[in-house]
Every structure is written in C-alpha cells, then in structure tokens.
Protein backbone atom coordinates (compact mmCIF):
# COMPACT_ATOMS: atom_id res chain seq x y z
CA MET A 1 44.83 -6.56 112.69
CA LYS A 2 44.60 -2.70 111.61
CA ARG A 3 46.79 -4.04 108.51
CA ILE A 4 44.50 -6.61 107.69
CA LEU A 5 41.36 -4.37 107.60
CA ALA A 6 42.78 -1.81 105.80
CA ALA A 7 44.21 -4.18 102.90
CA SER A 8 40.73 -5.86 102.99
CA ALA A 9 39.21 -2.38 102.61
CA VAL A 10 41.40 -1.54 99.67
CA PHE A 11 40.68 -4.96 97.98
CA LEU A 12 37.01 -4.46 98.31
CA SER A 13 37.05 -0.88 96.93
CA THR A 14 39.15 -2.08 93.94
CA SER A 15 36.94 -4.88 93.17
CA LEU A 16 33.77 -2.77 93.20
CA SER A 17 35.49 -0.33 91.09
CA LEU A 18 36.18 -3.29 88.56
CA VAL A 19 32.63 -4.32 88.45
CA GLY A 20 31.45 -1.17 88.18
CA SER A 21 33.62 -0.39 85.32
CA ALA A 22 32.30 -3.61 83.68
CA THR A 23 28.87 -2.58 84.14
CA ALA A 24 29.26 0.55 82.54
CA ASP A 25 31.32 -0.84 79.42
CA THR A 26 28.47 -3.58 78.77
CA SER A 27 25.83 -0.68 79.07
CA ARG A 28 27.39 1.66 76.55
CA SER A 29 26.18 0.85 72.99
CA ASP A 30 28.75 0.25 70.48
CA PRO A 31 28.21 2.62 67.77
CA LEU A 32 29.10 0.32 65.02
CA GLU A 33 26.75 -2.23 66.47
CA GLU A 34 23.87 0.24 66.50
CA ALA A 35 24.66 1.46 63.23
CA SER A 36 24.39 -2.23 61.91
CA VAL A 37 20.75 -2.58 63.52
CA THR A 38 19.48 0.63 62.94
CA ALA A 39 20.55 1.45 59.18
CA PRO A 40 18.87 -1.36 57.73
CA GLU A 41 15.50 -0.30 59.62
CA ASN A 42 16.02 2.97 57.79
CA THR A 43 16.77 1.86 54.82
CA PHE A 44 14.26 -0.75 54.13
CA ALA A 45 11.61 -0.06 56.33
CA PRO A 46 9.72 1.97 53.55
CA PHE A 47 10.26 -0.44 50.70
CA LEU A 48 8.85 -3.59 52.87
CA LYS A 49 5.96 -1.18 54.29
CA ASN A 50 5.20 -1.00 50.44
CA LEU A 51 5.99 -4.60 49.71
CA PHE A 52 3.27 -5.54 52.00
CA ARG A 53 0.64 -3.13 51.30
CA PRO A 54 -2.76 -4.49 50.03
CA PRO A 55 -2.64 -3.93 45.91
CA GLU A 56 -5.97 -1.84 46.06
CA THR A 57 -4.23 0.43 48.64
CA LYS A 58 -1.11 0.73 46.10
CA ASP A 59 -3.49 1.55 43.38
CA ARG A 60 -5.14 4.19 45.34
CA ALA A 61 -2.11 5.81 46.52
CA LYS A 62 -0.80 5.75 42.78
CA ALA A 63 -3.88 7.39 41.63
CA GLU A 64 -4.04 10.01 44.19
CA ALA A 65 -0.11 10.92 43.31
CA ASP A 66 -0.81 10.63 39.60
CA PRO A 67 -4.64 11.89 38.89
CA VAL A 68 -5.98 10.72 35.68
CA ARG A 69 -6.89 13.28 32.90
CA PRO A 70 -8.97 12.75 30.12
CA ALA A 71 -6.90 12.75 26.71
CA PHE A 72 -10.37 13.51 24.79
CA THR A 73 -9.81 10.64 22.54
CA LYS A 74 -11.61 7.45 21.74
CA ALA A 75 -8.66 5.46 22.27
CA TRP A 76 -8.39 6.95 25.72
CA LEU A 77 -11.93 5.85 26.26
CA ASP A 78 -11.50 2.35 25.02
CA SER A 79 -8.66 2.15 27.48
CA ARG A 80 -10.83 2.82 30.51
CA PRO A 81 -12.45 0.07 32.55
CA SER A 82 -16.20 -0.91 32.16
CA PRO A 83 -18.02 1.91 34.03
CA VAL A 84 -20.48 1.00 36.98
CA GLY A 85 -23.02 3.35 38.68
CA GLY A 86 -26.47 3.73 39.63
CA ASP A 87 -29.73 5.43 38.31
CA GLN A 88 -27.91 8.93 38.23
CA TRP A 89 -24.87 7.41 36.16
CA ARG A 90 -27.47 5.67 33.70
CA CYS A 91 -29.53 9.22 33.07
CA LEU A 92 -26.42 10.91 32.42
CA SER A 93 -25.15 8.21 30.01
CA GLU A 94 -28.47 7.95 28.45
CA ALA A 95 -28.56 11.68 27.88
CA LEU A 96 -25.24 11.82 26.43
CA TYR A 97 -25.88 8.95 23.88
CA PHE A 98 -29.04 10.66 22.75
CA GLU A 99 -28.01 14.32 22.65
CA ALA A 100 -24.35 13.92 21.65
CA ARG A 101 -22.98 10.62 20.53
CA GLY A 102 -22.06 12.03 17.42
CA GLU A 103 -19.98 14.62 18.85
CA THR A 104 -16.17 14.42 19.49
CA VAL A 105 -15.31 13.18 23.02
CA LYS A 106 -14.24 16.51 24.31
CA GLY A 107 -17.59 17.72 23.07
CA GLN A 108 -19.56 14.66 24.84
CA PHE A 109 -17.49 16.07 28.03
CA ALA A 110 -18.71 19.39 27.73
CA VAL A 111 -22.42 18.33 27.33
CA ALA A 112 -21.85 16.21 30.70
CA GLU A 113 -20.57 19.38 31.99
CA VAL A 114 -23.67 21.65 31.41
CA ILE A 115 -25.78 18.94 33.00
CA LEU A 116 -23.50 18.74 36.08
CA ASN A 117 -23.50 22.54 36.15
CA ARG A 118 -27.33 22.46 36.29
CA VAL A 119 -27.63 20.19 39.11
CA LYS A 120 -24.81 22.44 41.17
CA SER A 121 -26.63 25.77 40.14
CA GLY A 122 -29.75 25.53 42.83
CA ARG A 123 -32.07 26.79 39.96
CA PHE A 124 -32.58 23.26 38.45
CA PRO A 125 -33.64 20.26 40.07
CA ASN A 126 -30.85 18.69 42.30
CA SER A 127 -30.18 15.38 40.60
CA LEU A 128 -28.96 14.15 37.28
CA CYS A 129 -31.98 12.32 36.58
CA GLY A 130 -33.94 15.51 37.54
CA VAL A 131 -32.37 17.71 35.27
CA ILE A 132 -32.62 15.81 32.20
CA LYS A 133 -36.09 14.84 32.70
CA GLN A 134 -37.23 18.35 33.61
CA GLY A 135 -40.23 19.29 31.99
CA THR A 136 -40.52 16.11 30.21
CA GLY A 137 -44.53 15.43 29.09
CA ARG A 138 -45.13 19.04 28.94
CA LYS A 139 -45.27 20.92 25.30
CA TYR A 140 -42.19 23.01 24.69
CA GLN A 141 -41.14 22.33 28.24
CA CYS A 142 -38.66 19.60 27.93
CA GLN A 143 -34.97 20.56 28.61
CA PHE A 144 -33.47 17.82 26.47
CA THR A 145 -34.95 17.11 22.96
CA TYR A 146 -34.95 13.14 23.10
CA THR A 147 -37.21 13.28 26.11
CA CYS A 148 -40.25 14.63 24.52
CA ASP A 149 -39.59 13.94 20.52
CA GLY A 150 -41.91 11.51 20.41
CA ARG A 151 -39.39 8.51 19.34
CA ARG A 152 -38.77 5.46 21.35
CA GLU A 153 -35.34 5.72 23.10
CA VAL A 154 -33.58 2.71 21.78
CA ILE A 155 -30.02 2.33 22.23
CA ALA A 156 -29.01 0.92 18.80
CA GLU A 157 -25.20 1.40 18.99
CA PRO A 158 -23.83 -0.50 21.98
CA LYS A 159 -20.17 0.91 21.22
CA ALA A 160 -21.26 4.41 21.00
CA PHE A 161 -23.12 3.86 24.32
CA GLU A 162 -20.39 2.26 26.11
CA ARG A 163 -18.06 5.15 25.55
CA VAL A 164 -20.63 7.93 26.61
CA SER A 165 -21.19 5.82 29.86
CA LYS A 166 -17.41 6.23 30.15
CA VAL A 167 -17.72 9.66 29.57
CA ALA A 168 -20.40 10.05 32.31
CA ARG A 169 -18.58 8.05 34.74
CA ALA A 170 -15.50 10.30 34.39
CA ALA A 171 -17.29 13.46 34.53
CA MET A 172 -19.21 12.38 37.74
CA ASP A 173 -15.96 11.70 39.11
CA GLY A 174 -14.65 14.98 38.36
CA LEU A 175 -11.95 14.34 36.02
CA THR A 176 -12.36 17.23 33.95
CA ASP A 177 -11.38 20.97 34.20
CA ASP A 178 -14.11 23.58 33.49
CA LEU A 179 -14.39 23.15 29.71
CA THR A 180 -17.29 25.65 29.06
CA GLY A 181 -16.98 28.29 31.37
CA GLY A 182 -19.78 27.26 33.85
CA ALA A 183 -22.41 26.90 30.66
CA THR A 184 -25.83 26.03 31.63
CA HIS A 185 -27.27 25.85 28.12
CA TYR A 186 -26.20 24.62 24.71
CA HIS A 187 -27.27 24.27 21.22
CA THR A 188 -26.07 22.72 18.18
CA VAL A 189 -24.54 24.89 15.45
CA SER A 190 -27.65 24.15 13.07
CA VAL A 191 -29.76 26.19 15.26
CA ARG A 192 -29.97 29.41 17.33
CA PRO A 193 -32.47 29.76 20.01
CA SER A 194 -33.87 32.87 21.07
CA TRP A 195 -32.06 32.74 24.50
CA ALA A 196 -28.62 32.63 22.62
CA ASN A 197 -29.21 36.31 22.10
CA VAL A 198 -29.60 36.68 25.83
CA TYR A 199 -27.12 34.35 27.64
CA LYS A 200 -23.41 34.79 27.30
CA GLN A 201 -21.72 32.43 25.32
CA THR A 202 -18.63 30.84 26.92
CA ALA A 203 -17.56 28.20 24.81
CA ARG A 204 -17.64 26.38 21.35
CA ILE A 205 -16.55 22.69 21.31
CA GLY A 206 -17.30 20.52 18.51
CA VAL A 207 -20.97 21.12 16.95
CA HIS A 208 -22.33 22.60 20.11
CA VAL A 209 -22.14 26.28 21.20
CA PHE A 210 -22.12 26.86 25.19
CA TYR A 211 -23.88 29.47 27.10
CA ARG A 212 -24.10 30.64 30.71
CA HIS A 213 -27.07 32.20 32.13
CA THR A 214 -26.86 35.77 33.69
CA TYR A 215 -26.92 34.20 37.27
CA ARG A 216 -23.38 32.19 37.82
CA THR A 217 -23.62 28.82 38.79
CA ALA A 218 -21.85 27.06 42.00
CA SER A 219 -19.13 25.88 40.03
CA ASN A 220 -17.98 29.63 39.33
CA ASP A 221 -18.72 31.05 42.71
C-alpha cells in the first residue's frame, strides 16, 4: 500500500510539473512573433495617422513647418488666394490703394508696416481704421492725405486694389519682418516735411522715406 501511495505521489508531482512547464511556455512571448506584431505598428503608425488626417489639418501643419514669406513681387501676390477680412482689413487695403498703389510691392508692405506700428505704439488710435482716419475733417490734421484732399475715394483700378488687399492681409497676418526699423512716419521723395528734420530716418524703400519718432514703438521695445 505504501508503495502504491508513493508511486501515485511521484506521478502526480510529475504531472503538475509538466502542466506548469506547458503553462510557462505558452505565456512566454515568442520574440519573432512579437517583432512581427509591433514592427508594423512602429513603421506605419505615423503614415496611417497622416493619411487619415483631415486636409485642413495637413495644410495647417505644413504652413507651420514652412512659414510663408513674401517674395515682394507682383507674381507672388497674384499667386496668393483672394483675401478676406473685416473693417480693419478694408481700411488698411484702402489706405494702401490711395497712398501706395504705385509703389513697389515691398514699398506697399513698408507703408502697411508704418500703420501697424502706429496701432502698436500706444500714442495713436488703437485700431487700423482709427489710425488711418485720425484727424480727418480737421484742417491740416489728417494723417493720410487721401482722407482730406477733397476728392472722392473711388477705386478705379480693381487689379491694383486686389493686390494691395493681399498686401494688407499678409501684413496683418505678420508675414513680414521689420522692414522699416519701427517707422511711424513716411513721406515720398518728392517732398520733405518739417518733421523730417527731427525724426530719425530708418529706411528708404521705393519712393518713400521712413522715419521713427523719438519715442520707440511697441514693436521695438
């Protein structure tokens, strides 16, 4: 009887050992199998993620990775999409049309920059329309000649307006670097106002000369 019990114990122990061994083998992952499962995920996950990304997200990501910089040419402007905007964009577009439509593209950006610098300075109205229309209706007080020259503001050159409106949009979107050294004033080369003897000249672009007042604008702080 003792021999039978001993043999049974040995058999049971061996069986449990074999079962435990089989269980361990099945729970241990096969390196080759693991590689075949994880490798495609690591390799194709970014591709698949980009493949199913919405188009507008792709375009935005591309724009952030490769920011647009103006080429300062009419061809570059013509390649840009039709701009959209509200009242402030419209005010800036009209100012560029009446003040600088005959300028070079870079000169138009420079004039736009002056208007934006005034908005930032804290010493002028805090909106584009406010800066452009400042002093309008008061004798010798208007800041931009076309707002008080007594002429009707008629846009007779649609193509020119389309281009300056694109300049306005790009300038408002911050696509240009500092072209004028923080200028807050400008005049054409055909005139020389008295303040030109006081303010610091910062640039000459196209047919305009640019100046910065003795105070510094926010863009140069």
